[in-house]
């Protein structure tokens, strides 16, 4: 059997598994005759998130600004990633609004052809630092008005989330609304509900990540992604099961409907990440196999 035949067959079997899981686990699973909603790709620079194969995000993991700048300078020349995520919570001065705004301006200038995503992942959702809600909001407001970026990750359950999305749009910045669960994987209904709520709140990209306890959790995440894409999504999705068990979700986005995926260059910023070079190669291989299927149909 040729490799592309194996991949195509594997994709078909996975799709059947997702449909079977949806049928057995959700009373309102997508029907074959349903019209898939029209998705609006997010186009930044020359990168269209939501079109073609999933785009690869690589995160900074350094604790000081100079090391971050060295890393980003090197990543600007790499072809294996499309988005660079600045993880503020991993920096020792990540809550210093003025210093972080200056850093975002410097990094943005280094990335004429890549998307700059800025994230302060709070400790409550798996990040490095705890931060009070009012300080989180003040930090993000300052970054949006004094810094420079393409995308900002906003945790959906922060009290000021809607206001921050609105401010981001005023500043011509796209917003990701995100939800993370490091303890378990929610039900399929709950995953879809959170993604739909993010869309209602005005997010440009909808994100959920959860920790699986067994393979059924991984399949549930993929089935929920497929259901959301088929029934409700008007904005691109970013979904994943974390840890090594969930690694398949980082590869299968073109099948399930997740438009972005995280890779690593050096240290991982979250459990289960794959090397960006390996990830990009596999995504390209799967995309070509899907194109071959489309040409032969």
Protein backbone atom coordinates (compact mmCIF):
# COMPACT_ATOMS: atom_id res chain seq x y z
CA UNK A 1 0.00 0.00 0.00
CA UNK A 2 1.33 3.45 -0.93
CA UNK A 3 1.87 5.94 1.89
CA UNK A 4 -0.74 8.35 0.53
CA UNK A 5 -3.26 5.48 0.25
CA UNK A 6 -2.55 4.54 3.85
CA UNK A 7 -3.02 8.14 4.98
CA UNK A 8 -6.20 8.54 2.96
CA UNK A 9 -7.58 5.29 4.31
CA UNK A 10 -6.62 6.25 7.83
CA UNK A 11 -8.35 9.60 7.43
CA UNK A 12 -11.50 7.89 6.22
CA UNK A 13 -11.49 5.49 9.17
CA UNK A 14 -10.93 8.36 11.58
CA UNK A 15 -13.80 10.30 10.03
CA UNK A 16 -16.05 7.27 10.48
CA UNK A 17 -14.93 7.00 14.10
CA UNK A 18 -15.75 10.66 14.67
CA UNK A 19 -19.19 10.30 13.10
CA UNK A 20 -19.85 7.18 15.14
CA UNK A 21 -18.74 8.90 18.32
CA UNK A 22 -20.93 11.91 17.56
CA UNK A 23 -23.91 9.70 16.84
CA UNK A 24 -23.52 7.78 20.08
CA UNK A 25 -22.41 10.66 22.32
CA UNK A 26 -24.48 13.63 21.19
CA UNK A 27 -28.20 13.68 20.54
CA UNK A 28 -27.86 16.54 18.06
CA UNK A 29 -24.88 15.22 16.08
CA UNK A 30 -24.42 16.72 12.59
CA UNK A 31 -26.49 15.11 9.85
CA UNK A 32 -24.99 14.32 6.48
CA UNK A 33 -27.52 16.61 4.75
CA UNK A 34 -26.70 19.65 6.90
CA UNK A 35 -25.15 22.67 5.17
CA UNK A 36 -21.73 23.48 6.62
CA UNK A 37 -21.61 27.14 7.74
CA UNK A 38 -19.49 29.54 5.75
CA UNK A 39 -16.22 30.01 7.61
CA UNK A 40 -14.47 33.39 7.49
CA UNK A 41 -10.72 32.82 7.28
CA UNK A 42 -8.56 35.18 9.32
CA UNK A 43 -6.11 36.74 6.88
CA UNK A 44 -3.02 38.36 8.40
CA UNK A 45 -0.11 39.43 6.23
CA UNK A 46 0.09 36.61 3.65
CA UNK A 47 -1.25 33.94 6.02
CA UNK A 48 -4.85 32.75 5.78
CA UNK A 49 -5.91 30.98 8.98
CA UNK A 50 -8.81 28.71 8.13
CA UNK A 51 -7.70 27.90 4.58
CA UNK A 52 -5.57 24.96 3.49
CA UNK A 53 -3.54 22.98 5.97
CA UNK A 54 -3.41 24.02 9.65
CA UNK A 55 -0.98 26.82 10.44
CA UNK A 56 1.81 26.10 12.94
CA UNK A 57 2.34 28.18 16.09
CA UNK A 58 5.69 28.18 17.90
CA UNK A 59 5.90 29.74 21.37
CA UNK A 60 8.67 31.54 23.22
CA UNK A 61 9.73 29.85 26.44
CA UNK A 62 12.58 32.08 27.67
CA UNK A 63 12.42 33.97 30.96
CA UNK A 64 14.15 37.17 29.82
CA UNK A 65 13.50 39.56 26.97
CA UNK A 66 16.90 39.32 25.31
CA UNK A 67 16.62 35.55 25.01
CA UNK A 68 13.12 35.97 23.59
CA UNK A 69 14.41 38.40 20.95
CA UNK A 70 17.22 36.01 19.98
CA UNK A 71 14.72 33.18 19.61
CA UNK A 72 12.25 35.22 17.56
CA UNK A 73 15.01 36.57 15.34
CA UNK A 74 16.01 33.00 14.48
CA UNK A 75 12.40 31.86 14.01
CA UNK A 76 11.69 34.69 11.59
CA UNK A 77 13.86 32.85 9.06
CA UNK A 78 12.33 29.40 9.56
CA UNK A 79 9.77 27.94 7.16
CA UNK A 80 8.22 25.47 9.62
CA UNK A 81 6.05 27.97 11.51
CA UNK A 82 3.48 30.61 10.61
CA UNK A 83 2.75 32.19 13.99
CA UNK A 84 5.10 33.15 16.83
CA UNK A 85 3.49 33.26 20.26
CA UNK A 86 5.05 35.55 22.85
CA UNK A 87 4.34 33.92 26.23
CA UNK A 88 4.41 36.83 28.66
CA UNK A 89 3.72 34.66 31.71
CA UNK A 90 7.02 32.83 31.20
CA UNK A 91 8.98 36.10 31.42
CA UNK A 92 10.20 37.21 34.85
CA UNK A 93 8.88 40.73 34.11
CA UNK A 94 5.83 39.57 32.16
CA UNK A 95 3.47 41.76 34.22
CA UNK A 96 5.47 44.94 33.52
CA UNK A 97 3.11 46.53 31.00
CA UNK A 98 5.52 49.16 29.66
CA UNK A 99 8.37 46.68 29.20
CA UNK A 100 6.10 44.12 27.53
CA UNK A 101 4.58 46.72 25.18
CA UNK A 102 8.10 47.71 24.11
CA UNK A 103 9.00 44.05 23.60
CA UNK A 104 5.95 43.45 21.40
CA UNK A 105 6.92 46.41 19.20
CA UNK A 106 10.43 45.05 18.76
CA UNK A 107 9.24 41.53 17.98
CA UNK A 108 6.60 42.77 15.54
CA UNK A 109 9.31 44.55 13.56
CA UNK A 110 11.25 41.27 13.35
CA UNK A 111 8.28 39.39 11.87
CA UNK A 112 7.22 41.02 8.59
CA UNK A 113 6.06 37.69 7.18
CA UNK A 114 4.77 35.92 10.29
CA UNK A 115 1.92 36.48 12.72
CA UNK A 116 2.77 37.72 16.22
CA UNK A 117 0.45 36.29 18.87
CA UNK A 118 0.70 37.68 22.41
CA UNK A 119 -0.48 35.59 25.37
CA UNK A 120 -0.43 35.87 29.13
CA UNK A 121 -1.51 32.38 30.16
CA UNK A 122 -2.66 32.66 33.77
CA UNK A 123 -1.78 30.06 36.36
CA UNK A 124 -5.47 29.19 36.70
CA UNK A 125 -5.40 27.94 33.09
CA UNK A 126 -2.00 26.26 33.08
CA UNK A 127 0.34 29.25 32.83
CA UNK A 128 3.35 30.20 34.90
CA UNK A 129 2.06 33.18 36.89
CA UNK A 130 -1.07 34.03 38.82
CA UNK A 131 -2.54 37.44 38.08
CA UNK A 132 -5.59 39.23 39.44
CA UNK A 133 -8.43 39.93 37.02
CA UNK A 134 -8.05 43.71 37.20
CA UNK A 135 -4.31 43.54 36.61
CA UNK A 136 -4.82 41.12 33.70
CA UNK A 137 -7.25 43.57 32.14
CA UNK A 138 -4.97 46.58 32.73
CA UNK A 139 -1.99 44.75 31.25
CA UNK A 140 -3.90 43.79 28.12
CA UNK A 141 -5.37 47.27 27.69
CA UNK A 142 -1.89 48.77 27.81
CA UNK A 143 -0.50 46.21 25.38
CA UNK A 144 -3.31 46.89 22.93
CA UNK A 145 -2.90 50.66 23.02
CA UNK A 146 0.89 50.93 23.40
CA UNK A 147 2.22 47.66 21.96
CA UNK A 148 2.06 46.04 18.54
CA UNK A 149 0.79 42.58 17.61
CA UNK A 150 -1.43 40.69 15.16
CA UNK A 151 -3.27 38.42 17.60
CA UNK A 152 -4.06 38.52 21.31
CA UNK A 153 -5.11 35.45 23.32
CA UNK A 154 -7.80 36.35 25.88
CA UNK A 155 -9.07 33.80 28.38
CA UNK A 156 -12.83 33.66 27.85
CA UNK A 157 -13.78 33.54 31.53
CA UNK A 158 -11.92 36.72 32.53
CA UNK A 159 -14.52 39.34 33.56
CA UNK A 160 -13.27 41.88 31.00
CA UNK A 161 -13.05 39.42 28.10
CA UNK A 162 -15.76 41.04 25.98
CA UNK A 163 -14.35 44.52 26.54
CA UNK A 164 -10.86 43.34 25.63
CA UNK A 165 -12.14 41.76 22.41
CA UNK A 166 -13.82 45.05 21.51
CA UNK A 167 -10.65 47.05 22.28
CA UNK A 168 -8.55 44.61 20.24
CA UNK A 169 -10.81 45.16 17.24
CA UNK A 170 -10.59 48.94 17.72
CA UNK A 171 -6.80 48.59 17.56
CA UNK A 172 -6.95 46.38 14.44
CA UNK A 173 -5.81 43.34 16.44
CA UNK A 174 -7.52 39.94 16.05
CA UNK A 175 -8.65 38.18 19.23
CA UNK A 176 -8.44 34.53 20.24
CA UNK A 177 -10.80 33.58 23.05
CA UNK A 178 -9.49 30.53 24.87
CA UNK A 179 -10.46 27.93 27.47
CA UNK A 180 -8.09 25.41 29.08
CA UNK A 181 -8.74 22.43 31.32
CA UNK A 182 -5.65 20.66 32.65
CA UNK A 183 -7.65 18.22 34.79
CA UNK A 184 -10.07 16.58 32.38
CA UNK A 185 -11.88 16.77 29.04
CA UNK A 186 -15.38 18.26 29.12
CA UNK A 187 -18.31 16.55 27.47
CA UNK A 188 -18.73 16.98 23.74
CA UNK A 189 -21.75 19.18 24.36
CA UNK A 190 -19.75 21.41 26.74
CA UNK A 191 -16.82 21.74 24.31
CA UNK A 192 -19.15 22.84 21.53
CA UNK A 193 -21.00 25.16 23.93
CA UNK A 194 -17.80 26.96 24.94
CA UNK A 195 -16.69 27.39 21.33
CA UNK A 196 -20.09 28.76 20.38
CA UNK A 197 -19.98 31.16 23.33
CA UNK A 198 -16.55 32.40 22.21
CA UNK A 199 -17.98 33.06 18.76
CA UNK A 200 -20.91 34.97 20.27
CA UNK A 201 -18.44 37.05 22.29
CA UNK A 202 -16.80 38.25 19.08
CA UNK A 203 -13.66 36.12 18.91
CA UNK A 204 -11.83 35.91 15.59
CA UNK A 205 -10.43 32.47 16.51
CA UNK A 206 -12.07 29.99 18.90
CA UNK A 207 -9.81 27.93 21.16
CA UNK A 208 -10.18 25.08 23.65
CA UNK A 209 -7.54 22.73 25.05
CA UNK A 210 -8.11 19.91 27.53
CA UNK A 211 -6.23 17.07 29.17
CA UNK A 212 -7.37 13.55 28.21
CA UNK A 213 -7.56 10.73 30.74
CA UNK A 214 -8.01 7.98 28.14
CA UNK A 215 -8.31 7.68 24.34
CA UNK A 216 -12.05 8.29 24.40
CA UNK A 217 -11.35 11.84 25.60
CA UNK A 218 -9.12 12.43 22.57
CA UNK A 219 -11.80 11.13 20.22
CA UNK A 220 -14.37 13.29 21.99
CA UNK A 221 -12.30 16.43 21.43
CA UNK A 222 -11.94 15.61 17.75
CA UNK A 223 -15.63 14.79 17.40
CA UNK A 224 -16.58 18.06 19.11
CA UNK A 225 -14.29 19.97 16.76
CA UNK A 226 -15.86 18.25 13.75
CA UNK A 227 -19.37 18.97 15.07
CA UNK A 228 -18.54 22.63 15.68
CA UNK A 229 -17.01 23.04 12.23
CA UNK A 230 -19.89 21.27 10.48
CA UNK A 231 -22.73 22.96 12.34
CA UNK A 232 -21.77 26.29 13.85
CA UNK A 233 -18.31 27.65 13.12
CA UNK A 234 -18.06 30.93 11.27
CA UNK A 235 -14.59 31.60 12.67
CA UNK A 236 -11.48 29.36 12.57
CA UNK A 237 -11.00 26.82 15.37
CA UNK A 238 -7.97 25.93 17.47
CA UNK A 239 -8.61 22.77 19.49
CA UNK A 240 -6.41 20.12 21.04
CA UNK A 241 -6.08 17.34 23.54
CA UNK A 242 -2.89 17.85 25.52
CA UNK A 243 -0.16 15.40 26.48
CA UNK A 244 1.33 12.61 24.43
CA UNK A 245 -2.02 10.83 24.24
CA UNK A 246 -3.53 13.85 22.52
CA UNK A 247 -0.74 14.38 19.99
CA UNK A 248 -2.93 13.06 17.17
CA UNK A 249 -5.21 16.09 17.58
CA UNK A 250 -2.27 18.31 16.66
CA UNK A 251 -1.96 16.47 13.36
CA UNK A 252 -5.58 15.91 12.32
CA UNK A 253 -6.85 19.49 12.14
CA UNK A 254 -7.44 19.50 8.40
CA UNK A 255 -9.75 16.52 8.87
CA UNK A 256 -11.57 17.65 12.01
CA UNK A 257 -11.64 21.40 11.37
CA UNK A 258 -8.92 22.84 13.60
CA UNK A 259 -7.10 25.56 11.66
CA UNK A 260 -4.08 26.03 13.94
CA UNK A 261 -1.75 23.76 15.88
CA UNK A 262 1.17 24.24 18.28
CA UNK A 263 4.67 22.94 17.62
CA UNK A 264 7.88 23.51 19.51
CA UNK A 265 11.34 24.78 18.64
CA UNK A 266 13.48 23.86 21.62
CA UNK A 267 11.47 23.65 24.84
CA UNK A 268 7.75 22.86 24.80
CA UNK A 269 5.34 25.49 26.11
CA UNK A 270 2.64 22.87 26.84
CA UNK A 271 2.55 19.08 27.23
CA UNK A 272 2.34 16.97 24.08
CA UNK A 273 3.86 19.39 21.58
CA UNK A 274 5.82 18.01 18.62
CA UNK A 275 8.89 19.49 16.97
CA UNK A 276 7.73 22.18 14.56
CA UNK A 277 9.81 20.78 11.71
CA UNK A 278 8.31 17.29 12.14
CA UNK A 279 4.82 18.71 12.60
CA UNK A 280 5.02 20.88 9.49
CA UNK A 281 6.25 17.96 7.40
CA UNK A 282 3.43 15.68 8.54
CA UNK A 283 0.79 18.38 7.98
CA UNK A 284 2.10 18.93 4.46
CA UNK A 285 2.04 15.19 3.76
CA UNK A 286 -1.55 14.90 4.99
CA UNK A 287 -2.59 17.96 2.99
CA UNK A 288 -1.17 16.47 -0.20
CA UNK A 289 -2.98 13.21 0.46
CA UNK A 290 -6.24 15.12 0.89
CA UNK A 291 -5.58 17.00 -2.36
CA UNK A 292 -4.96 13.70 -4.14
CA UNK A 293 -8.31 12.42 -2.87
CA UNK A 294 -10.02 15.58 -4.10
CA UNK A 295 -8.45 15.30 -7.57
CA UNK A 296 -9.44 11.66 -7.95
CA UNK A 297 -13.05 12.15 -6.82
